[in-house]
Structures are given as structure tokens and as C-alpha cells.
């Protein structure tokens, strides 16, 4: 099985099953005869933009983002704070990878650096004038 096929299987798994760990994805893949390490699954999750979403009975589980490639979903954004050439974004836990990728797709030439963790992103821009447009896009206006 090639990478593209494995990515499709992983997307299918997170839609069909309430999976909350990468190890569970590895186990499901093994049952289907696909050998993948946890590190490979981790990279695949990042590439696919898979996020953790609330589950009524399991806390947070993996799910596919409901965000289009051209628009950042404003409901993932909890707070924005600007200082000089920096913009700090507080997000719903697990959504930063998708939001970061979308920001980079639209604003890569204007960004000096971008740092993210599970629920926040810090953006440092090259020119302060782009901050207003960046903030407007992130708020979904």
C-alpha cells in the first residue's frame, strides 16, 4: 500500500471509529494488513490536518476538519492578541495544525516565523501592515 492509499484509509478510520490515540490508528491499520509505525501515523495525521474534536463519551477523538482550504474557520479561534509585529491566536485544542497550514497557504510570503502548539499560534510578520489583513482573515470577516 502506498502513502496516498494509507492516508485515505486513515481518513476513513477517523470518520468511522471514535479513535483517541495514534496507537489506536496503528492497531486499526494492522488489522487491515497495513504496517505503519506511530511516528508515520503522526506525520500522516499532521499532513491530513486531522484534529481532535469533542466526543460525548470519550473526551476528545480524532476527526477530519470541517474547514475549507480557502477560509479559516472562525469558530476554532477563541482569542486574538496583537503586539508590534506579532499576532497571538488562542484556539480550540487540537485545531492549530489546520489553522497554521491555512495561514501559511495564504500569507507565507509575509510571515517571518510561525510557532504553534496544540491550542495556540504565534505569528511574527515581516511587515506590520499585513497584520490587519491577517487578523481579518482569521476572524473570518
Protein backbone atom coordinates (compact mmCIF):
# COMPACT_ATOMS: atom_id res chain seq x y z
CA UNK A 1 0.00 0.00 0.00
CA UNK A 2 1.40 3.38 -0.96
CA UNK A 3 1.27 6.55 1.12
CA UNK A 4 -1.73 8.05 -0.71
CA UNK A 5 -3.76 4.90 -0.09
CA UNK A 6 -2.69 4.81 3.59
CA UNK A 7 -3.78 8.43 4.03
CA UNK A 8 -7.21 7.58 2.59
CA UNK A 9 -7.53 4.61 4.96
CA UNK A 10 -6.62 6.79 7.95
CA UNK A 11 -9.23 9.39 6.94
CA UNK A 12 -11.81 6.61 6.68
CA UNK A 13 -10.84 5.20 10.09
CA UNK A 14 -11.21 8.50 11.96
CA UNK A 15 -14.63 9.03 10.38
CA UNK A 16 -15.90 5.51 11.15
CA UNK A 17 -14.43 4.91 14.63
CA UNK A 18 -14.07 7.01 17.80
CA UNK A 19 -10.25 6.94 17.92
CA UNK A 20 -8.45 8.98 20.55
CA UNK A 21 -4.81 7.88 20.21
CA UNK A 22 -2.31 7.38 17.42
CA UNK A 23 -1.68 3.88 18.74
CA UNK A 24 -5.34 3.01 18.06
CA UNK A 25 -4.88 4.12 14.45
CA UNK A 26 -1.78 1.89 14.20
CA UNK A 27 -3.84 -1.03 15.60
CA UNK A 28 -6.68 -0.46 13.11
CA UNK A 29 -4.17 -0.29 10.26
CA UNK A 30 -2.54 -3.57 11.41
CA UNK A 31 -5.98 -5.26 11.39
CA UNK A 32 -6.27 -4.15 7.75
CA UNK A 33 -2.83 -5.54 6.95
CA UNK A 34 -1.14 -2.15 6.77
CA UNK A 35 2.10 -1.81 8.72
CA UNK A 36 2.79 1.72 9.96
CA UNK A 37 4.68 3.00 12.97
CA UNK A 38 3.30 5.54 15.42
CA UNK A 39 5.76 8.08 14.02
CA UNK A 40 4.45 7.51 10.49
CA UNK A 41 0.85 7.86 11.68
CA UNK A 42 1.80 11.07 13.50
CA UNK A 43 3.19 12.56 10.27
CA UNK A 44 0.12 11.37 8.35
CA UNK A 45 -2.23 12.99 10.88
CA UNK A 46 -0.37 16.27 10.51
CA UNK A 47 -0.40 16.09 6.71
CA UNK A 48 -4.12 15.30 6.62
CA UNK A 49 -4.92 18.11 9.06
CA UNK A 50 -6.74 15.68 11.35
CA UNK A 51 -7.74 17.33 14.61
CA UNK A 52 -9.11 16.28 17.99
CA UNK A 53 -12.81 17.01 18.33
CA UNK A 54 -15.07 16.74 21.40
CA UNK A 55 -16.84 13.41 21.83
CA UNK A 56 -19.81 12.98 24.17
CA UNK A 57 -18.47 9.73 25.65
CA UNK A 58 -14.68 9.67 25.06
CA UNK A 59 -13.43 13.19 25.74
CA UNK A 60 -11.62 14.12 22.51
CA UNK A 61 -11.30 11.88 19.44
CA UNK A 62 -9.68 12.32 16.05
CA UNK A 63 -11.80 13.85 13.32
CA UNK A 64 -11.49 15.50 9.95
CA UNK A 65 -11.51 19.29 9.96
CA UNK A 66 -14.64 20.96 8.66
CA UNK A 67 -12.61 23.85 7.29
CA UNK A 68 -12.31 24.70 3.63
CA UNK A 69 -8.84 25.24 2.25
CA UNK A 70 -9.60 28.85 1.40
CA UNK A 71 -11.14 30.02 4.67
CA UNK A 72 -10.03 29.64 8.27
CA UNK A 73 -12.93 28.51 10.43
CA UNK A 74 -13.54 31.35 12.87
CA UNK A 75 -15.18 29.01 15.40
CA UNK A 76 -11.72 27.49 16.09
CA UNK A 77 -10.43 30.90 17.17
CA UNK A 78 -11.01 31.74 20.83
CA UNK A 79 -8.94 34.93 21.12
CA UNK A 80 -6.54 37.13 19.16
CA UNK A 81 -3.97 39.50 20.58
CA UNK A 82 -1.63 41.75 18.61
CA UNK A 83 1.66 43.34 19.71
CA UNK A 84 4.10 45.06 17.36
CA UNK A 85 4.74 42.60 14.51
CA UNK A 86 3.25 39.65 16.40
CA UNK A 87 -0.18 38.06 16.50
CA UNK A 88 -1.05 35.51 19.16
CA UNK A 89 -4.04 33.26 18.44
CA UNK A 90 -5.73 31.10 21.09
CA UNK A 91 -7.58 28.17 19.51
CA UNK A 92 -9.80 25.23 20.29
CA UNK A 93 -7.41 22.46 21.43
CA UNK A 94 -6.25 20.31 18.53
CA UNK A 95 -7.07 22.78 15.76
CA UNK A 96 -3.76 24.62 15.49
CA UNK A 97 -2.20 22.39 12.81
CA UNK A 98 -5.05 23.00 10.38
CA UNK A 99 -5.25 26.73 11.10
CA UNK A 100 -1.47 27.10 10.83
CA UNK A 101 -1.43 25.34 7.45
CA UNK A 102 -4.21 27.62 6.15
CA UNK A 103 -2.44 30.74 7.40
CA UNK A 104 0.77 29.66 5.67
CA UNK A 105 -1.10 28.89 2.43
CA UNK A 106 -2.44 32.44 2.31
CA UNK A 107 0.29 34.50 3.99
CA UNK A 108 3.62 32.62 3.65
CA UNK A 109 5.49 35.50 1.91
CA UNK A 110 4.57 37.92 4.71
CA UNK A 111 5.46 35.69 7.66
CA UNK A 112 8.87 35.83 9.32
CA UNK A 113 8.10 32.97 11.73
CA UNK A 114 5.14 30.98 13.00
CA UNK A 115 5.16 28.86 16.15
CA UNK A 116 2.30 26.64 17.21
CA UNK A 117 1.35 24.10 19.82
CA UNK A 118 -1.91 22.27 20.45
CA UNK A 119 -4.06 25.32 21.18
CA UNK A 120 -2.16 28.45 20.17
CA UNK A 121 -0.23 30.03 17.33
CA UNK A 122 2.26 32.89 17.49
CA UNK A 123 2.86 34.64 14.19
CA UNK A 124 5.67 37.13 13.61
CA UNK A 125 5.22 39.05 10.38
CA UNK A 126 7.86 40.81 8.29
CA UNK A 127 5.79 43.98 7.89
CA UNK A 128 3.28 45.26 10.45
CA UNK A 129 0.88 46.47 7.72
CA UNK A 130 -0.18 42.88 6.93
CA UNK A 131 -1.42 42.27 10.49
CA UNK A 132 -4.81 43.92 9.90
CA UNK A 133 -5.49 41.76 6.84
CA UNK A 134 -4.23 38.63 8.61
CA UNK A 135 -6.47 39.28 11.61
CA UNK A 136 -9.44 39.96 9.35
CA UNK A 137 -8.99 36.64 7.53
CA UNK A 138 -8.55 34.73 10.79
CA UNK A 139 -11.73 36.25 12.23
CA UNK A 140 -13.49 35.13 9.05
CA UNK A 141 -14.65 38.61 8.02
